[in-house]
Amino acid sequence: MKSVNGQSLRSQVEKWLAPAPAISGHVTRFRRTRLGGRWCVYVETSSSRGVRALFFFRHDDGSWYVFPPAGNTPRGTADRIARIGSRPASPPV
């Protein structure tokens, strides 16, 4: 799939996982994300150096990156951790 800005899935796999032409990537899993319903694929490559794998996320402009779109990240996680960490300790029983 080619995107408007040239960040196709193939170009991203070649950039991150397959620097040599003889190494090919294989999509082993794909699904839609829970937040936003965007596509996410898991790509693996194998060579004499071992297996390498990454998740790639499709953005709204059709481009693929190794990070999810801004709207796909859970919000409030740091706030929840801060609230939990700031609770007073329970009195001893």
PDB file of N, CA and C in Angstrom:
ATOM      1  N   MET A   1       0.834  -1.170   0.000  1.00  0.00           N
ATOM      2  CA  MET A   1       0.000   0.000   0.000  1.00  0.00           C
ATOM      3  C   MET A   1       0.882   1.237   0.000  1.00  0.00           C
ATOM      4  N   LYS A   2       0.673   2.082  -0.914  1.00  0.00           N
ATOM      5  CA  LYS A   2       1.453   3.313  -1.029  1.00  0.00           C
ATOM      6  C   LYS A   2       0.685   4.450  -0.370  1.00  0.00           C
ATOM      7  N   SER A   3       1.383   5.278   0.372  1.00  0.00           N
ATOM      8  CA  SER A   3       0.734   6.405   1.020  1.00  0.00           C
ATOM      9  C   SER A   3       1.061   7.690   0.278  1.00  0.00           C
ATOM     10  N   VAL A   4       0.405   8.751   0.674  1.00  0.00           N
ATOM     11  CA  VAL A   4       0.603  10.051   0.043  1.00  0.00           C
ATOM     12  C   VAL A   4       2.047  10.524   0.223  1.00  0.00           C
ATOM     13  N   ASN A   5       2.608  10.312   1.409  1.00  0.00           N
ATOM     14  CA  ASN A   5       3.945  10.828   1.691  1.00  0.00           C
ATOM     15  C   ASN A   5       5.058   9.808   1.429  1.00  0.00           C
ATOM     16  N   GLY A   6       4.736   8.686   0.823  1.00  0.00           N
ATOM     17  CA  GLY A   6       5.759   7.716   0.447  1.00  0.00           C
ATOM     18  C   GLY A   6       6.167   6.749   1.539  1.00  0.00           C
ATOM     19  N   GLN A   7       5.477   6.743   2.663  1.00  0.00           N
ATOM     20  CA  GLN A   7       5.810   5.831   3.747  1.00  0.00           C
ATOM     21  C   GLN A   7       4.997   4.537   3.605  1.00  0.00           C
ATOM     22  N   SER A   8       5.312   3.781   2.575  1.00  0.00           N
ATOM     23  CA  SER A   8       4.595   2.528   2.355  1.00  0.00           C
ATOM     24  C   SER A   8       5.060   1.493   3.372  1.00  0.00           C
ATOM     25  N   LEU A   9       4.260   0.472   3.538  1.00  0.00           N
ATOM     26  CA  LEU A   9       4.639  -0.605   4.454  1.00  0.00           C
ATOM     27  C   LEU A   9       5.950  -1.244   3.997  1.00  0.00           C
ATOM     28  N   ARG A  10       6.097  -1.458   2.716  1.00  0.00           N
ATOM     29  CA  ARG A  10       7.330  -2.055   2.188  1.00  0.00           C
ATOM     30  C   ARG A  10       8.557  -1.193   2.515  1.00  0.00           C
ATOM     31  N   SER A  11       8.443   0.114   2.320  1.00  0.00           N
ATOM     32  CA  SER A  11       9.592   0.984   2.592  1.00  0.00           C
ATOM     33  C   SER A  11       9.939   0.992   4.076  1.00  0.00           C
ATOM     34  N   GLN A  12       8.942   0.926   4.925  1.00  0.00           N
ATOM     35  CA  GLN A  12       9.204   0.892   6.364  1.00  0.00           C
ATOM     36  C   GLN A  12       9.837  -0.436   6.793  1.00  0.00           C
ATOM     37  N   VAL A  13       9.378  -1.537   6.214  1.00  0.00           N
ATOM     38  CA  VAL A  13       9.982  -2.843   6.529  1.00  0.00           C
ATOM     39  C   VAL A  13      11.433  -2.859   6.078  1.00  0.00           C
ATOM     40  N   GLU A  14      11.696  -2.349   4.887  1.00  0.00           N
ATOM     41  CA  GLU A  14      13.077  -2.298   4.400  1.00  0.00           C
ATOM     42  C   GLU A  14      13.938  -1.402   5.280  1.00  0.00           C
ATOM     43  N   LYS A  15      13.391  -0.305   5.736  1.00  0.00           N
ATOM     44  CA  LYS A  15      14.137   0.626   6.580  1.00  0.00           C
ATOM     45  C   LYS A  15      14.476   0.009   7.934  1.00  0.00           C
ATOM     46  N   TRP A  16      13.506  -0.633   8.581  1.00  0.00           N
ATOM     47  CA  TRP A  16      13.677  -1.087   9.949  1.00  0.00           C
ATOM     48  C   TRP A  16      14.147  -2.532  10.082  1.00  0.00           C
ATOM     49  N   LEU A  17      13.773  -3.404   9.154  1.00  0.00           N
ATOM     50  CA  LEU A  17      14.023  -4.830   9.361  1.00  0.00           C
ATOM     51  C   LEU A  17      14.885  -5.513   8.314  1.00  0.00           C
ATOM     52  N   ALA A  18      14.881  -5.039   7.094  1.00  0.00           N
ATOM     53  CA  ALA A  18      15.541  -5.772   6.018  1.00  0.00           C
ATOM     54  C   ALA A  18      16.500  -4.872   5.241  1.00  0.00           C
ATOM     55  N   PRO A  19      17.661  -4.552   5.807  1.00  0.00           N
ATOM     56  CA  PRO A  19      18.577  -3.655   5.106  1.00  0.00           C
ATOM     57  C   PRO A  19      19.225  -4.265   3.863  1.00  0.00           C
ATOM     58  N   ALA A  20      19.246  -5.580   3.764  1.00  0.00           N
ATOM     59  CA  ALA A  20      19.835  -6.243   2.600  1.00  0.00           C
ATOM     60  C   ALA A  20      18.722  -6.704   1.662  1.00  0.00           C
ATOM     61  N   PRO A  21      18.926  -6.588   0.338  1.00  0.00           N
ATOM     62  CA  PRO A  21      17.884  -6.993  -0.616  1.00  0.00           C
ATOM     63  C   PRO A  21      17.501  -8.478  -0.512  1.00  0.00           C
ATOM     64  N   ALA A  22      18.420  -9.310  -0.043  1.00  0.00           N
ATOM     65  CA  ALA A  22      18.137 -10.745   0.035  1.00  0.00           C
ATOM     66  C   ALA A  22      17.214 -11.096   1.204  1.00  0.00           C
ATOM     67  N   ILE A  23      17.024 -10.170   2.120  1.00  0.00           N
ATOM     68  CA  ILE A  23      16.178 -10.423   3.284  1.00  0.00           C
ATOM     69  C   ILE A  23      14.776  -9.918   2.985  1.00  0.00           C
ATOM     70  N   SER A  24      13.798 -10.773   3.167  1.00  0.00           N
ATOM     71  CA  SER A  24      12.417 -10.346   2.921  1.00  0.00           C
ATOM     72  C   SER A  24      11.629 -10.397   4.221  1.00  0.00           C
ATOM     73  N   GLY A  25      10.607  -9.562   4.293  1.00  0.00           N
ATOM     74  CA  GLY A  25       9.742  -9.533   5.464  1.00  0.00           C
ATOM     75  C   GLY A  25       8.462 -10.284   5.192  1.00  0.00           C
ATOM     76  N   HIS A  26       7.896 -10.822   6.250  1.00  0.00           N
ATOM     77  CA  HIS A  26       6.642 -11.564   6.136  1.00  0.00           C
ATOM     78  C   HIS A  26       5.674 -11.060   7.190  1.00  0.00           C
ATOM     79  N   VAL A  27       4.475 -10.705   6.747  1.00  0.00           N
ATOM     80  CA  VAL A  27       3.429 -10.312   7.686  1.00  0.00           C
ATOM     81  C   VAL A  27       2.934 -11.590   8.340  1.00  0.00           C
ATOM     82  N   THR A  28       3.098 -11.669   9.661  1.00  0.00           N
ATOM     83  CA  THR A  28       2.666 -12.877  10.364  1.00  0.00           C
ATOM     84  C   THR A  28       1.349 -12.692  11.099  1.00  0.00           C
ATOM     85  N   ARG A  29       1.002 -11.433  11.411  1.00  0.00           N
ATOM     86  CA  ARG A  29      -0.279 -11.135  12.055  1.00  0.00           C
ATOM     87  C   ARG A  29      -0.743  -9.766  11.586  1.00  0.00           C
ATOM     88  N   PHE A  30      -2.035  -9.590  11.528  1.00  0.00           N
ATOM     89  CA  PHE A  30      -2.589  -8.260  11.262  1.00  0.00           C
ATOM     90  C   PHE A  30      -3.938  -8.170  11.952  1.00  0.00           C
ATOM     91  N   ARG A  31      -4.239  -6.972  12.387  1.00  0.00           N
ATOM     92  CA  ARG A  31      -5.506  -6.747  13.090  1.00  0.00           C
ATOM     93  C   ARG A  31      -5.792  -5.256  13.129  1.00  0.00           C
ATOM     94  N   ARG A  32      -6.972  -4.929  13.570  1.00  0.00           N
ATOM     95  CA  ARG A  32      -7.319  -3.535  13.802  1.00  0.00           C
ATOM     96  C   ARG A  32      -7.082  -3.241  15.280  1.00  0.00           C
ATOM     97  N   THR A  33      -6.626  -2.014  15.560  1.00  0.00           N
ATOM     98  CA  THR A  33      -6.380  -1.639  16.941  1.00  0.00           C
ATOM     99  C   THR A  33      -7.696  -1.415  17.670  1.00  0.00           C
ATOM    100  N   ARG A  34      -7.669  -1.598  18.990  1.00  0.00           N
ATOM    101  CA  ARG A  34      -8.880  -1.385  19.781  1.00  0.00           C
ATOM    102  C   ARG A  34      -9.269   0.084  19.791  1.00  0.00           C
ATOM    103  N   LEU A  35      -8.279   0.945  19.877  1.00  0.00           N
ATOM    104  CA  LEU A  35      -8.544   2.386  19.896  1.00  0.00           C
ATOM    105  C   LEU A  35      -8.424   2.940  18.486  1.00  0.00           C
ATOM    106  N   GLY A  36      -9.502   3.321  17.899  1.00  0.00           N
ATOM    107  CA  GLY A  36      -9.481   3.940  16.581  1.00  0.00           C
ATOM    108  C   GLY A  36      -9.714   2.990  15.426  1.00  0.00           C
ATOM    109  N   GLY A  37      -9.556   1.690  15.618  1.00  0.00           N
ATOM    110  CA  GLY A  37      -9.809   0.715  14.569  1.00  0.00           C
ATOM    111  C   GLY A  37      -8.866   0.788  13.385  1.00  0.00           C
ATOM    112  N   ARG A  38      -7.653   1.297  13.593  1.00  0.00           N
ATOM    113  CA  ARG A  38      -6.679   1.382  12.501  1.00  0.00           C
ATOM    114  C   ARG A  38      -5.927   0.067  12.373  1.00  0.00           C
ATOM    115  N   TRP A  39      -5.349  -0.156  11.203  1.00  0.00           N
ATOM    116  CA  TRP A  39      -4.631  -1.404  10.953  1.00  0.00           C
ATOM    117  C   TRP A  39      -3.275  -1.414  11.639  1.00  0.00           C
ATOM    118  N   CYS A  40      -2.931  -2.587  12.132  1.00  0.00           N
ATOM    119  CA  CYS A  40      -1.640  -2.838  12.758  1.00  0.00           C
ATOM    120  C   CYS A  40      -1.169  -4.191  12.217  1.00  0.00           C
ATOM    121  N   VAL A  41       0.068  -4.274  11.741  1.00  0.00           N
ATOM    122  CA  VAL A  41       0.594  -5.541  11.231  1.00  0.00           C
ATOM    123  C   VAL A  41       1.887  -5.875  11.947  1.00  0.00           C
ATOM    124  N   TYR A  42       2.149  -7.153  12.108  1.00  0.00           N
ATOM    125  CA  TYR A  42       3.365  -7.661  12.729  1.00  0.00           C
ATOM    126  C   TYR A  42       4.190  -8.307  11.629  1.00  0.00           C
ATOM    127  N   VAL A  43       5.389  -7.783  11.412  1.00  0.00           N
ATOM    128  CA  VAL A  43       6.234  -8.246  10.317  1.00  0.00           C
ATOM    129  C   VAL A  43       7.501  -8.866  10.893  1.00  0.00           C
ATOM    130  N   GLU A  44       7.872 -10.040  10.375  1.00  0.00           N
ATOM    131  CA  GLU A  44       9.088 -10.727  10.801  1.00  0.00           C
ATOM    132  C   GLU A  44      10.042 -10.899   9.629  1.00  0.00           C
ATOM    133  N   THR A  45      11.339 -10.834   9.934  1.00  0.00           N
ATOM    134  CA  THR A  45      12.369 -11.178   8.964  1.00  0.00           C
ATOM    135  C   THR A  45      13.317 -12.145   9.640  1.00  0.00           C
ATOM    136  N   SER A  46      13.957 -12.977   8.854  1.00  0.00           N
ATOM    137  CA  SER A  46      14.950 -13.875   9.438  1.00  0.00           C
ATOM    138  C   SER A  46      16.188 -13.878   8.551  1.00  0.00           C
ATOM    139  N   SER A  47      17.327 -13.942   9.203  1.00  0.00           N
ATOM    140  CA  SER A  47      18.601 -13.991   8.506  1.00  0.00           C
ATOM    141  C   SER A  47      19.564 -14.798   9.369  1.00  0.00           C
ATOM    142  N   SER A  48      20.811 -14.835   8.960  1.00  0.00           N
ATOM    143  CA  SER A  48      21.808 -15.574   9.740  1.00  0.00           C
ATOM    144  C   SER A  48      21.998 -14.941  11.122  1.00  0.00           C
ATOM    145  N   ARG A  49      21.622 -13.669  11.266  1.00  0.00           N
ATOM    146  CA  ARG A  49      21.746 -12.992  12.560  1.00  0.00           C
ATOM    147  C   ARG A  49      20.549 -13.250  13.467  1.00  0.00           C
ATOM    148  N   GLY A  50      19.555 -13.930  12.986  1.00  0.00           N
ATOM    149  CA  GLY A  50      18.386 -14.244  13.803  1.00  0.00           C
ATOM    150  C   GLY A  50      17.111 -13.637  13.260  1.00  0.00           C
ATOM    151  N   VAL A  51      16.052 -13.762  14.059  1.00  0.00           N
ATOM    152  CA  VAL A  51      14.734 -13.254  13.682  1.00  0.00           C
ATOM    153  C   VAL A  51      14.561 -11.860  14.270  1.00  0.00           C
ATOM    154  N   ARG A  52      14.029 -10.969  13.468  1.00  0.00           N
ATOM    155  CA  ARG A  52      13.700  -9.616  13.908  1.00  0.00           C
ATOM    156  C   ARG A  52      12.243  -9.367  13.566  1.00  0.00           C
ATOM    157  N   ALA A  53      11.556  -8.618  14.422  1.00  0.00           N
ATOM    158  CA  ALA A  53      10.136  -8.370  14.186  1.00  0.00           C
ATOM    159  C   ALA A  53       9.732  -7.029  14.782  1.00  0.00           C
ATOM    160  N   LEU A  54       8.742  -6.409  14.167  1.00  0.00           N
ATOM    161  CA  LEU A  54       8.187  -5.140  14.638  1.00  0.00           C
ATOM    162  C   LEU A  54       6.708  -5.060  14.274  1.00  0.00           C
ATOM    163  N   PHE A  55       5.973  -4.269  15.054  1.00  0.00           N
ATOM    164  CA  PHE A  55       4.617  -3.897  14.690  1.00  0.00           C
ATOM    165  C   PHE A  55       4.690  -2.619  13.861  1.00  0.00           C
ATOM    166  N   PHE A  56       3.858  -2.533  12.845  1.00  0.00           N
ATOM    167  CA  PHE A  56       3.730  -1.323  12.037  1.00  0.00           C
ATOM    168  C   PHE A  56       2.276  -0.874  12.097  1.00  0.00           C
ATOM    169  N   PHE A  57       2.067   0.428  12.216  1.00  0.00           N
ATOM    170  CA  PHE A  57       0.737   0.996  12.372  1.00  0.00           C
ATOM    171  C   PHE A  57       0.416   1.896  11.199  1.00  0.00           C
ATOM    172  N   ARG A  58      -0.803   1.769  10.692  1.00  0.00           N
ATOM    173  CA  ARG A  58      -1.249   2.620   9.582  1.00  0.00           C
ATOM    174  C   ARG A  58      -1.853   3.902  10.134  1.00  0.00           C
ATOM    175  N   HIS A  59      -1.423   5.029   9.606  1.00  0.00           N
ATOM    176  CA  HIS A  59      -1.909   6.337  10.038  1.00  0.00           C
ATOM    177  C   HIS A  59      -3.009   6.819   9.106  1.00  0.00           C
ATOM    178  N   ASP A  60      -3.689   7.887   9.499  1.00  0.00           N
ATOM    179  CA  ASP A  60      -4.835   8.406   8.744  1.00  0.00           C
ATOM    180  C   ASP A  60      -4.483   8.815   7.321  1.00  0.00           C
ATOM    181  N   ASP A  61      -3.242   9.254   7.087  1.00  0.00           N
ATOM    182  CA  ASP A  61      -2.847   9.680   5.738  1.00  0.00           C
ATOM    183  C   ASP A  61      -2.407   8.505   4.866  1.00  0.00           C
ATOM    184  N   GLY A  62      -2.535   7.277   5.381  1.00  0.00           N
ATOM    185  CA  GLY A  62      -2.174   6.090   4.616  1.00  0.00           C
ATOM    186  C   GLY A  62      -0.745   5.641   4.820  1.00  0.00           C
ATOM    187  N   SER A  63       0.029   6.374   5.606  1.00  0.00           N
ATOM    188  CA  SER A  63       1.422   6.014   5.832  1.00  0.00           C
ATOM    189  C   SER A  63       1.522   4.951   6.936  1.00  0.00           C
ATOM    190  N   TRP A  64       2.648   4.246   6.952  1.00  0.00           N
ATOM    191  CA  TRP A  64       2.923   3.207   7.941  1.00  0.00           C
ATOM    192  C   TRP A  64       4.133   3.618   8.767  1.00  0.00           C
ATOM    193  N   TYR A  65       4.038   3.433  10.080  1.00  0.00           N
ATOM    194  CA  TYR A  65       5.130   3.763  10.986  1.00  0.00           C
ATOM    195  C   TYR A  65       5.222   2.707  12.088  1.00  0.00           C
ATOM    196  N   VAL A  66       6.334   2.735  12.829  1.00  0.00           N
ATOM    197  CA  VAL A  66       6.512   1.785  13.932  1.00  0.00           C
ATOM    198  C   VAL A  66       5.883   2.296  15.223  1.00  0.00           C
ATOM    199  N   PHE A  67       5.233   3.440  15.175  1.00  0.00           N
ATOM    200  CA  PHE A  67       4.535   3.974  16.339  1.00  0.00           C
ATOM    201  C   PHE A  67       3.076   4.190  15.968  1.00  0.00           C
ATOM    202  N   PRO A  68       2.171   4.014  16.937  1.00  0.00           N
ATOM    203  CA  PRO A  68       0.747   4.198  16.631  1.00  0.00           C
ATOM    204  C   PRO A  68       0.408   5.662  16.427  1.00  0.00           C
ATOM    205  N   PRO A  69      -0.680   5.931  15.704  1.00  0.00           N
ATOM    206  CA  PRO A  69      -1.134   7.316  15.551  1.00  0.00           C
ATOM    207  C   PRO A  69      -1.443   7.916  16.918  1.00  0.00           C
ATOM    208  N   ALA A  70      -1.376   9.218  17.025  1.00  0.00           N
ATOM    209  CA  ALA A  70      -1.578   9.908  18.307  1.00  0.00           C
ATOM    210  C   ALA A  70      -2.901   9.533  18.961  1.00  0.00           C
ATOM    211  N   GLY A  71      -3.949   9.362  18.197  1.00  0.00           N
ATOM    212  CA  GLY A  71      -5.256   9.024  18.759  1.00  0.00           C
ATOM    213  C   GLY A  71      -5.382   7.581  19.194  1.00  0.00           C
ATOM    214  N   ASN A  72      -4.362   6.767  18.968  1.00  0.00           N
ATOM    215  CA  ASN A  72      -4.428   5.348  19.303  1.00  0.00           C
ATOM    216  C   ASN A  72      -3.775   5.005  20.627  1.00  0.00           C
ATOM    217  N   THR A  73      -3.271   5.993  21.345  1.00  0.00           N
ATOM    218  CA  THR A  73      -2.607   5.696  22.603  1.00  0.00           C
ATOM    219  C   THR A  73      -3.568   5.918  23.756  1.00  0.00           C
ATOM    220  N   PRO A  74      -3.571   5.020  24.730  1.00  0.00           N
ATOM    221  CA  PRO A  74      -4.461   5.200  25.876  1.00  0.00           C
ATOM    222  C   PRO A  74      -4.122   6.491  26.606  1.00  0.00           C
ATOM    223  N   ARG A  75      -5.121   7.229  26.985  1.00  0.00           N
ATOM    224  CA  ARG A  75      -4.892   8.484  27.695  1.00  0.00           C
ATOM    225  C   ARG A  75      -5.138   8.281  29.179  1.00  0.00           C
ATOM    226  N   GLY A  76      -4.478   9.076  29.953  1.00  0.00           N
ATOM    227  CA  GLY A  76      -4.730   9.047  31.387  1.00  0.00           C
ATOM    228  C   GLY A  76      -3.925   8.016  32.134  1.00  0.00           C
ATOM    229  N   THR A  77      -3.070   7.260  31.488  1.00  0.00           N
ATOM    230  CA  THR A  77      -2.315   6.225  32.176  1.00  0.00           C
ATOM    231  C   THR A  77      -1.421   6.843  33.241  1.00  0.00           C
ATOM    232  N   ALA A  78      -0.682   7.895  32.898  1.00  0.00           N
ATOM    233  CA  ALA A  78       0.191   8.550  33.869  1.00  0.00           C
ATOM    234  C   ALA A  78      -0.639   9.162  34.995  1.00  0.00           C
ATOM    235  N   ASP A  79      -1.805   9.715  34.662  1.00  0.00           N
ATOM    236  CA  ASP A  79      -2.666  10.289  35.691  1.00  0.00           C
ATOM    237  C   ASP A  79      -3.148   9.221  36.663  1.00  0.00           C
ATOM    238  N   ARG A  80      -3.520   8.053  36.127  1.00  0.00           N
ATOM    239  CA  ARG A  80      -3.983   6.962  37.001  1.00  0.00           C
ATOM    240  C   ARG A  80      -2.858   6.501  37.913  1.00  0.00           C
ATOM    241  N   ILE A  81      -1.656   6.361  37.368  1.00  0.00           N
ATOM    242  CA  ILE A  81      -0.521   5.929  38.180  1.00  0.00           C
ATOM    243  C   ILE A  81      -0.238   6.963  39.261  1.00  0.00           C
ATOM    244  N   ALA A  82      -0.295   8.240  38.910  1.00  0.00           N
ATOM    245  CA  ALA A  82      -0.041   9.301  39.883  1.00  0.00           C
ATOM    246  C   ALA A  82      -1.091   9.273  40.993  1.00  0.00           C
ATOM    247  N   ARG A  83      -2.354   9.063  40.619  1.00  0.00           N
ATOM    248  CA  ARG A  83      -3.410   9.021  41.636  1.00  0.00           C
ATOM    249  C   ARG A  83      -3.235   7.839  42.561  1.00  0.00           C
ATOM    250  N   ILE A  84      -2.910   6.681  42.008  1.00  0.00           N
ATOM    251  CA  ILE A  84      -2.720   5.484  42.821  1.00  0.00           C
ATOM    252  C   ILE A  84      -1.535   5.677  43.760  1.00  0.00           C
ATOM    253  N   GLY A  85      -0.449   6.274  43.229  1.00  0.00           N
ATOM    254  CA  GLY A  85       0.749   6.490  44.042  1.00  0.00           C
ATOM    255  C   GLY A  85       0.560   7.534  45.121  1.00  0.00           C
ATOM    256  N   SER A  86      -0.433   8.417  44.978  1.00  0.00           N
ATOM    257  CA  SER A  86      -0.624   9.492  45.944  1.00  0.00           C
ATOM    258  C   SER A  86      -1.703   9.161  46.979  1.00  0.00           C
ATOM    259  N   ARG A  87      -2.294   7.994  46.896  1.00  0.00           N
ATOM    260  CA  ARG A  87      -3.326   7.610  47.885  1.00  0.00           C
ATOM    261  C   ARG A  87      -2.676   7.394  49.250  1.00  0.00           C
ATOM    262  N   PRO A  88      -3.364   7.794  50.280  1.00  0.00           N
ATOM    263  CA  PRO A  88      -2.805   7.523  51.615  1.00  0.00           C
ATOM    264  C   PRO A  88      -2.798   6.025  51.883  1.00  0.00           C
ATOM    265  N   ALA A  89      -1.827   5.611  52.648  1.00  0.00           N
ATOM    266  CA  ALA A  89      -1.726   4.190  52.985  1.00  0.00           C
ATOM    267  C   ALA A  89      -2.912   3.768  53.830  1.00  0.00           C
ATOM    268  N   SER A  90      -3.323   2.538  53.679  1.00  0.00           N
ATOM    269  CA  SER A  90      -4.434   2.015  54.474  1.00  0.00           C
ATOM    270  C   SER A  90      -3.968   1.878  55.914  1.00  0.00           C
ATOM    271  N   PRO A  91      -4.880   2.159  56.847  1.00  0.00           N
ATOM    272  CA  PRO A  91      -4.484   1.995  58.258  1.00  0.00           C
ATOM    273  C   PRO A  91      -4.217   0.515  58.555  1.00  0.00           C
ATOM    274  N   PRO A  92      -3.255   0.260  59.416  1.00  0.00           N
ATOM    275  CA  PRO A  92      -2.970  -1.148  59.746  1.00  0.00           C
ATOM    276  C   PRO A  92      -4.142  -1.781  60.430  1.00  0.00           C
ATOM    277  N   VAL A  93      -4.336  -3.059  60.197  1.00  0.00           N
ATOM    278  CA  VAL A  93      -5.481  -3.798  60.788  1.00  0.00           C
ATOM    279  C   VAL A  93      -5.028  -4.536  61.991  1.00  0.00           C
TER     280      VAL A  93
END
